[in-house]
Amino acid sequence: MFDIERFLPLDEHRRRMDTLIRDVRSSERAVSVERIYVPGEIEHERRARRLVEGIPLPVALIDELNTIATTLGVAPIDG
């Protein structure tokens, strides 16, 4: 991590980043592209969704964990 304010005031940096993001998002998209993302945006949205909905697990993994749970005498995972 570095200190932005060593290069320019934080408010100026934020204004420039807002302009850059607006410009990138308003760019012409390829035919099959629904939305243009900026770096880290997909991960941020995924994290927020998983905090609410949980982390999806493959059925095979749930089955394997439930087999182990049965062996150990603990409650299975609802999947």
Protein backbone atom coordinates (compact mmCIF):
# COMPACT_ATOMS: atom_id res chain seq x y z
CA MET A 1 0.00 0.00 0.00
CA PHE A 2 1.23 3.47 -0.68
CA ASP A 3 0.26 6.93 0.48
CA ILE A 4 -1.58 8.69 -2.37
CA GLU A 5 -1.24 12.04 -0.61
CA ARG A 6 2.51 11.94 -1.22
CA PHE A 7 1.64 12.43 -4.91
CA LEU A 8 -1.48 14.62 -4.86
CA PRO A 9 -4.27 15.60 -2.48
CA LEU A 10 -6.70 12.79 -1.70
CA ASP A 11 -9.73 14.74 -2.96
CA GLU A 12 -8.00 15.34 -6.30
CA HIS A 13 -7.11 11.65 -6.56
CA ARG A 14 -10.73 10.69 -5.89
CA ARG A 15 -12.01 13.14 -8.52
CA ARG A 16 -9.57 11.77 -11.08
CA MET A 17 -10.48 8.17 -10.25
CA ASP A 18 -14.21 8.95 -10.49
CA THR A 19 -13.64 10.50 -13.91
CA LEU A 20 -11.53 7.55 -15.05
CA ILE A 21 -14.14 5.02 -13.87
CA ARG A 22 -16.95 6.96 -15.58
CA ASP A 23 -14.93 7.10 -18.81
CA VAL A 24 -14.13 3.39 -18.71
CA ARG A 25 -17.72 2.39 -17.97
CA SER A 26 -19.11 4.61 -20.71
CA SER A 27 -16.76 3.10 -23.31
CA GLU A 28 -18.24 1.27 -26.24
CA ARG A 29 -18.78 -2.38 -25.34
CA ALA A 30 -18.27 -5.42 -27.49
CA VAL A 31 -21.47 -7.04 -28.74
CA SER A 32 -21.49 -9.83 -26.15
CA VAL A 33 -20.41 -7.64 -23.21
CA GLU A 34 -23.18 -6.59 -20.83
CA ARG A 35 -21.12 -4.45 -18.48
CA ILE A 36 -17.61 -3.04 -18.17
CA TYR A 37 -15.95 -3.60 -14.80
CA VAL A 38 -13.02 -1.78 -13.24
CA PRO A 39 -10.27 -3.75 -11.45
CA GLY A 40 -11.47 -5.27 -8.19
CA GLU A 41 -15.15 -4.56 -8.82
CA ILE A 42 -16.12 -8.16 -9.60
CA GLU A 43 -14.34 -9.39 -6.49
CA HIS A 44 -15.97 -6.70 -4.34
CA GLU A 45 -19.44 -7.65 -5.58
CA ARG A 46 -18.72 -11.37 -5.15
CA ARG A 47 -17.55 -10.82 -1.56
CA ALA A 48 -20.66 -8.80 -0.71
CA ARG A 49 -22.91 -11.47 -2.24
CA ARG A 50 -21.15 -14.30 -0.40
CA LEU A 51 -21.37 -12.50 2.93
CA VAL A 52 -25.14 -12.53 2.45
CA GLU A 53 -25.68 -15.84 0.62
CA GLY A 54 -22.70 -17.90 1.81
CA ILE A 55 -20.00 -19.60 -0.23
CA PRO A 56 -21.28 -22.07 -2.81
CA LEU A 57 -19.84 -25.58 -2.54
CA PRO A 58 -19.90 -28.29 -5.22
CA VAL A 59 -22.35 -31.12 -4.52
CA ALA A 60 -19.51 -33.66 -4.56
CA LEU A 61 -17.69 -31.77 -1.80
CA ILE A 62 -20.85 -31.51 0.31
CA ASP A 63 -21.39 -35.27 -0.11
CA GLU A 64 -17.80 -35.97 0.93
CA LEU A 65 -18.05 -33.69 3.96
CA ASN A 66 -21.34 -35.31 4.96
CA THR A 67 -19.74 -38.76 4.74
CA ILE A 68 -16.99 -37.58 7.06
CA ALA A 69 -19.58 -35.95 9.36
CA THR A 70 -21.49 -39.23 9.59
CA THR A 71 -18.28 -41.06 10.45
CA LEU A 72 -17.55 -38.57 13.20
CA GLY A 73 -21.11 -38.49 14.47
CA VAL A 74 -21.69 -34.79 13.74
CA ALA A 75 -24.56 -33.11 11.92
CA PRO A 76 -24.35 -33.05 8.11
CA ILE A 77 -24.19 -29.89 6.02
CA ASP A 78 -27.45 -28.77 4.48
CA GLY A 79 -26.80 -28.49 0.80
